[in-house]
Amino acid sequence: MTVSARLAELGIELPSVVPPVAAYIPAKVHGDVVQTSGQLPMVGGSLPAIGKVGAEVAAEDAKALARQSALNALAAAADAVGGVDRLTGVLKVTGFVASVPTFTGQPGVINGASEVLGEIFGDAGRHSRSAVGVPVLPLDSPVEVEVTFTHI
């Protein structure tokens, strides 16, 4: 099954590529790998939530934001390689969670990204991962996700 067919089956509409907010490109291709820049959970040009997980943002809401960040990464990677069906799998997810010092649920938040990529790519979506707590992210976003994909 193609990635586009799987997205349709899941009822997921791939978002538009989020324009960079600074001096970088959304994704870079090198050989058979495409690395995305950190993707914020932008929807329609804005963040649906701001603040720290464990204070202004609940962990479950942050998990949904991580999912959106992963879909934004997928859109950036697909654009870089000429279409979503040219992507063949996921190598690594790096997730950053802006959280209060006592919050230790970063892995659960970043599961939002990992789970949706697994749903889309199946076994080819199994990946290595880091989930890191940080004091602040760009635009006061609660999460940011980078993804390394393979492609043909």
C-alpha atoms as a PDB file:
ATOM      1  CA  MET A   1       0.000   0.000   0.000  1.00  0.00           C
ATOM      2  CA  THR A   2       1.312   3.452  -0.862  1.00  0.00           C
ATOM      3  CA  VAL A   3       1.786   6.112   1.775  1.00  0.00           C
ATOM      4  CA  SER A   4      -0.871   8.288   0.135  1.00  0.00           C
ATOM      5  CA  ALA A   5      -3.329   5.370   0.160  1.00  0.00           C
ATOM      6  CA  ARG A   6      -2.575   4.698   3.820  1.00  0.00           C
ATOM      7  CA  LEU A   7      -3.111   8.379   4.678  1.00  0.00           C
ATOM      8  CA  ALA A   8      -6.475   8.251   2.903  1.00  0.00           C
ATOM      9  CA  GLU A   9      -7.406   5.034   4.722  1.00  0.00           C
ATOM     10  CA  LEU A  10      -6.585   6.693   8.050  1.00  0.00           C
ATOM     11  CA  GLY A  11      -8.502   9.841   7.093  1.00  0.00           C
ATOM     12  CA  ILE A  12      -5.387  11.973   7.421  1.00  0.00           C
ATOM     13  CA  GLU A  13      -5.021  14.970   5.132  1.00  0.00           C
ATOM     14  CA  LEU A  14      -1.388  15.973   4.794  1.00  0.00           C
ATOM     15  CA  PRO A  15      -0.952  19.631   5.788  1.00  0.00           C
ATOM     16  CA  SER A  16       0.789  22.223   3.652  1.00  0.00           C
ATOM     17  CA  VAL A  17       4.488  22.666   4.301  1.00  0.00           C
ATOM     18  CA  VAL A  18       4.979  25.117   7.151  1.00  0.00           C
ATOM     19  CA  PRO A  19       7.160  28.023   5.982  1.00  0.00           C
ATOM     20  CA  PRO A  20      10.385  28.482   7.975  1.00  0.00           C
ATOM     21  CA  VAL A  21      10.278  31.014  10.801  1.00  0.00           C
ATOM     22  CA  ALA A  22      14.041  31.691  10.530  1.00  0.00           C
ATOM     23  CA  ALA A  23      17.072  31.009   8.275  1.00  0.00           C
ATOM     24  CA  TYR A  24      16.669  27.319   7.364  1.00  0.00           C
ATOM     25  CA  ILE A  25      14.838  25.029   4.952  1.00  0.00           C
ATOM     26  CA  PRO A  26      12.049  22.648   6.043  1.00  0.00           C
ATOM     27  CA  ALA A  27      13.886  19.500   4.927  1.00  0.00           C
ATOM     28  CA  LYS A  28      17.222  18.480   3.401  1.00  0.00           C
ATOM     29  CA  VAL A  29      17.822  15.460   1.172  1.00  0.00           C
ATOM     30  CA  HIS A  30      21.130  13.573   1.303  1.00  0.00           C
ATOM     31  CA  GLY A  31      21.408  10.303  -0.585  1.00  0.00           C
ATOM     32  CA  ASP A  32      18.449   8.120   0.390  1.00  0.00           C
ATOM     33  CA  VAL A  33      17.736  10.092   3.569  1.00  0.00           C
ATOM     34  CA  VAL A  34      15.683  13.217   4.158  1.00  0.00           C
ATOM     35  CA  GLN A  35      16.117  15.098   7.427  1.00  0.00           C
ATOM     36  CA  THR A  36      13.492  17.582   8.494  1.00  0.00           C
ATOM     37  CA  SER A  37      14.128  20.725  10.436  1.00  0.00           C
ATOM     38  CA  GLY A  38      12.355  20.947  13.756  1.00  0.00           C
ATOM     39  CA  GLN A  39       8.648  21.156  13.065  1.00  0.00           C
ATOM     40  CA  LEU A  40       6.286  23.008  15.353  1.00  0.00           C
ATOM     41  CA  PRO A  41       2.635  21.926  15.573  1.00  0.00           C
ATOM     42  CA  MET A  42       1.456  24.736  13.284  1.00  0.00           C
ATOM     43  CA  VAL A  43      -2.097  24.529  11.960  1.00  0.00           C
ATOM     44  CA  GLY A  44      -3.213  27.126   9.431  1.00  0.00           C
ATOM     45  CA  GLY A  45      -0.187  29.311  10.117  1.00  0.00           C
ATOM     46  CA  SER A  46      -0.464  29.465  13.897  1.00  0.00           C
ATOM     47  CA  LEU A  47       0.150  27.412  17.018  1.00  0.00           C
ATOM     48  CA  PRO A  48      -3.007  25.890  18.517  1.00  0.00           C
ATOM     49  CA  ALA A  49      -1.466  26.148  22.007  1.00  0.00           C
ATOM     50  CA  ILE A  50       1.478  27.837  23.667  1.00  0.00           C
ATOM     51  CA  GLY A  51       3.205  27.388  26.987  1.00  0.00           C
ATOM     52  CA  LYS A  52       4.812  24.678  29.064  1.00  0.00           C
ATOM     53  CA  VAL A  53       3.616  21.118  29.401  1.00  0.00           C
ATOM     54  CA  GLY A  54       2.709  20.581  33.032  1.00  0.00           C
ATOM     55  CA  ALA A  55       1.532  24.180  33.411  1.00  0.00           C
ATOM     56  CA  GLU A  56      -0.455  25.824  30.596  1.00  0.00           C
ATOM     57  CA  VAL A  57      -0.615  22.684  28.418  1.00  0.00           C
ATOM     58  CA  ALA A  58      -1.829  19.238  29.516  1.00  0.00           C
ATOM     59  CA  ALA A  59       0.235  16.190  28.561  1.00  0.00           C
ATOM     60  CA  GLU A  60      -2.577  14.705  26.435  1.00  0.00           C
ATOM     61  CA  ASP A  61      -2.929  17.984  24.523  1.00  0.00           C
ATOM     62  CA  ALA A  62       0.844  18.063  23.998  1.00  0.00           C
ATOM     63  CA  LYS A  63       0.694  14.499  22.641  1.00  0.00           C
ATOM     64  CA  ALA A  64      -1.800  15.681  19.994  1.00  0.00           C
ATOM     65  CA  LEU A  65       0.533  18.597  19.207  1.00  0.00           C
ATOM     66  CA  ALA A  66       3.438  16.152  18.735  1.00  0.00           C
ATOM     67  CA  ARG A  67       1.251  14.230  16.286  1.00  0.00           C
ATOM     68  CA  GLN A  68       0.640  17.438  14.331  1.00  0.00           C
ATOM     69  CA  SER A  69       4.365  18.215  14.357  1.00  0.00           C
ATOM     70  CA  ALA A  70       5.072  14.763  12.865  1.00  0.00           C
ATOM     71  CA  LEU A  71       2.506  15.350  10.122  1.00  0.00           C
ATOM     72  CA  ASN A  72       4.148  18.701   9.402  1.00  0.00           C
ATOM     73  CA  ALA A  73       7.495  16.886   9.168  1.00  0.00           C
ATOM     74  CA  LEU A  74       5.969  14.345   6.799  1.00  0.00           C
ATOM     75  CA  ALA A  75       4.696  17.166   4.586  1.00  0.00           C
ATOM     76  CA  ALA A  76       8.138  18.834   4.555  1.00  0.00           C
ATOM     77  CA  ALA A  77       9.905  15.566   3.696  1.00  0.00           C
ATOM     78  CA  ALA A  78       7.381  14.704   0.981  1.00  0.00           C
ATOM     79  CA  ASP A  79       7.836  18.141  -0.579  1.00  0.00           C
ATOM     80  CA  ALA A  80      11.630  17.723  -0.559  1.00  0.00           C
ATOM     81  CA  VAL A  81      11.579  14.352  -2.376  1.00  0.00           C
ATOM     82  CA  GLY A  82       8.768  14.980  -4.852  1.00  0.00           C
ATOM     83  CA  GLY A  83       5.808  13.356  -3.135  1.00  0.00           C
ATOM     84  CA  VAL A  84       4.744  11.376  -0.100  1.00  0.00           C
ATOM     85  CA  ASP A  85       4.855   8.070  -1.999  1.00  0.00           C
ATOM     86  CA  ARG A  86       8.615   8.464  -2.439  1.00  0.00           C
ATOM     87  CA  LEU A  87       9.076   8.174   1.340  1.00  0.00           C
ATOM     88  CA  THR A  88       9.796   4.592   2.408  1.00  0.00           C
ATOM     89  CA  GLY A  89      10.244   4.713   6.163  1.00  0.00           C
ATOM     90  CA  VAL A  90      11.312   6.464   9.331  1.00  0.00           C
ATOM     91  CA  LEU A  91      14.809   6.195  10.833  1.00  0.00           C
ATOM     92  CA  LYS A  92      14.640   8.526  13.811  1.00  0.00           C
ATOM     93  CA  VAL A  93      12.361  10.914  15.651  1.00  0.00           C
ATOM     94  CA  THR A  94      13.764  13.600  17.928  1.00  0.00           C
ATOM     95  CA  GLY A  95      11.182  15.312  20.082  1.00  0.00           C
ATOM     96  CA  PHE A  96      11.534  18.349  22.291  1.00  0.00           C
ATOM     97  CA  VAL A  97       8.976  19.139  24.989  1.00  0.00           C
ATOM     98  CA  ALA A  98       8.922  22.560  26.649  1.00  0.00           C
ATOM     99  CA  SER A  99       7.943  21.569  30.151  1.00  0.00           C
ATOM    100  CA  VAL A 100       8.049  22.592  33.760  1.00  0.00           C
ATOM    101  CA  PRO A 101      11.045  21.185  35.686  1.00  0.00           C
ATOM    102  CA  THR A 102       8.948  18.584  37.520  1.00  0.00           C
ATOM    103  CA  PHE A 103       7.343  17.141  34.354  1.00  0.00           C
ATOM    104  CA  THR A 104       8.886  13.783  33.397  1.00  0.00           C
ATOM    105  CA  GLY A 105       6.389  12.546  30.808  1.00  0.00           C
ATOM    106  CA  GLN A 106       8.283  13.655  27.691  1.00  0.00           C
ATOM    107  CA  PRO A 107       8.288  10.114  26.205  1.00  0.00           C
ATOM    108  CA  GLY A 108       4.495   9.933  26.443  1.00  0.00           C
ATOM    109  CA  VAL A 109       4.130  13.306  24.730  1.00  0.00           C
ATOM    110  CA  ILE A 110       6.416  12.336  21.848  1.00  0.00           C
ATOM    111  CA  ASN A 111       4.462   9.096  21.456  1.00  0.00           C
ATOM    112  CA  GLY A 112       2.015  11.318  19.567  1.00  0.00           C
ATOM    113  CA  ALA A 113       4.589  11.615  16.790  1.00  0.00           C
ATOM    114  CA  SER A 114       5.825   8.026  16.959  1.00  0.00           C
ATOM    115  CA  GLU A 115       2.356   6.504  16.955  1.00  0.00           C
ATOM    116  CA  VAL A 116       1.082   8.384  13.905  1.00  0.00           C
ATOM    117  CA  LEU A 117       4.237   7.563  11.928  1.00  0.00           C
ATOM    118  CA  GLY A 118       3.803   3.914  12.886  1.00  0.00           C
ATOM    119  CA  GLU A 119       0.175   3.987  11.746  1.00  0.00           C
ATOM    120  CA  ILE A 120       1.203   5.479   8.409  1.00  0.00           C
ATOM    121  CA  PHE A 121       4.335   3.439   7.631  1.00  0.00           C
ATOM    122  CA  GLY A 122       3.673   0.191   9.515  1.00  0.00           C
ATOM    123  CA  ASP A 123       6.885  -1.742  10.239  1.00  0.00           C
ATOM    124  CA  ALA A 124       8.868   0.761   8.126  1.00  0.00           C
ATOM    125  CA  GLY A 125       7.762   3.407  10.625  1.00  0.00           C
ATOM    126  CA  ARG A 126       9.559   1.756  13.554  1.00  0.00           C
ATOM    127  CA  HIS A 127      12.358   4.133  14.519  1.00  0.00           C
ATOM    128  CA  SER A 128      14.921   5.143  17.077  1.00  0.00           C
ATOM    129  CA  ARG A 129      13.967   8.154  19.165  1.00  0.00           C
ATOM    130  CA  SER A 130      14.896  10.808  21.677  1.00  0.00           C
ATOM    131  CA  ALA A 131      12.378  12.695  23.821  1.00  0.00           C
ATOM    132  CA  VAL A 132      13.949  15.674  25.550  1.00  0.00           C
ATOM    133  CA  GLY A 133      12.583  18.185  28.044  1.00  0.00           C
ATOM    134  CA  VAL A 134      13.629  21.790  27.442  1.00  0.00           C
ATOM    135  CA  PRO A 135      12.818  25.094  29.168  1.00  0.00           C
ATOM    136  CA  VAL A 136      11.473  26.901  26.076  1.00  0.00           C
ATOM    137  CA  LEU A 137      10.941  26.357  22.327  1.00  0.00           C
ATOM    138  CA  PRO A 138      10.504  28.807  19.436  1.00  0.00           C
ATOM    139  CA  LEU A 139       7.313  30.886  19.584  1.00  0.00           C
ATOM    140  CA  ASP A 140       6.632  29.363  23.041  1.00  0.00           C
ATOM    141  CA  SER A 141       5.558  26.116  21.347  1.00  0.00           C
ATOM    142  CA  PRO A 142       4.991  23.186  23.728  1.00  0.00           C
ATOM    143  CA  VAL A 143       6.616  20.693  21.322  1.00  0.00           C
ATOM    144  CA  GLU A 144       8.964  20.454  18.364  1.00  0.00           C
ATOM    145  CA  VAL A 145       9.715  17.319  16.337  1.00  0.00           C
ATOM    146  CA  GLU A 146      12.469  16.421  13.850  1.00  0.00           C
ATOM    147  CA  VAL A 147      12.174  13.293  11.705  1.00  0.00           C
ATOM    148  CA  THR A 148      14.692  11.435   9.557  1.00  0.00           C
ATOM    149  CA  PHE A 149      12.980   9.551   6.722  1.00  0.00           C
ATOM    150  CA  THR A 150      14.253   7.172   4.051  1.00  0.00           C
ATOM    151  CA  HIS A 151      13.150   7.645   0.439  1.00  0.00           C
ATOM    152  CA  ILE A 152      13.480   6.288  -3.074  1.00  0.00           C
END
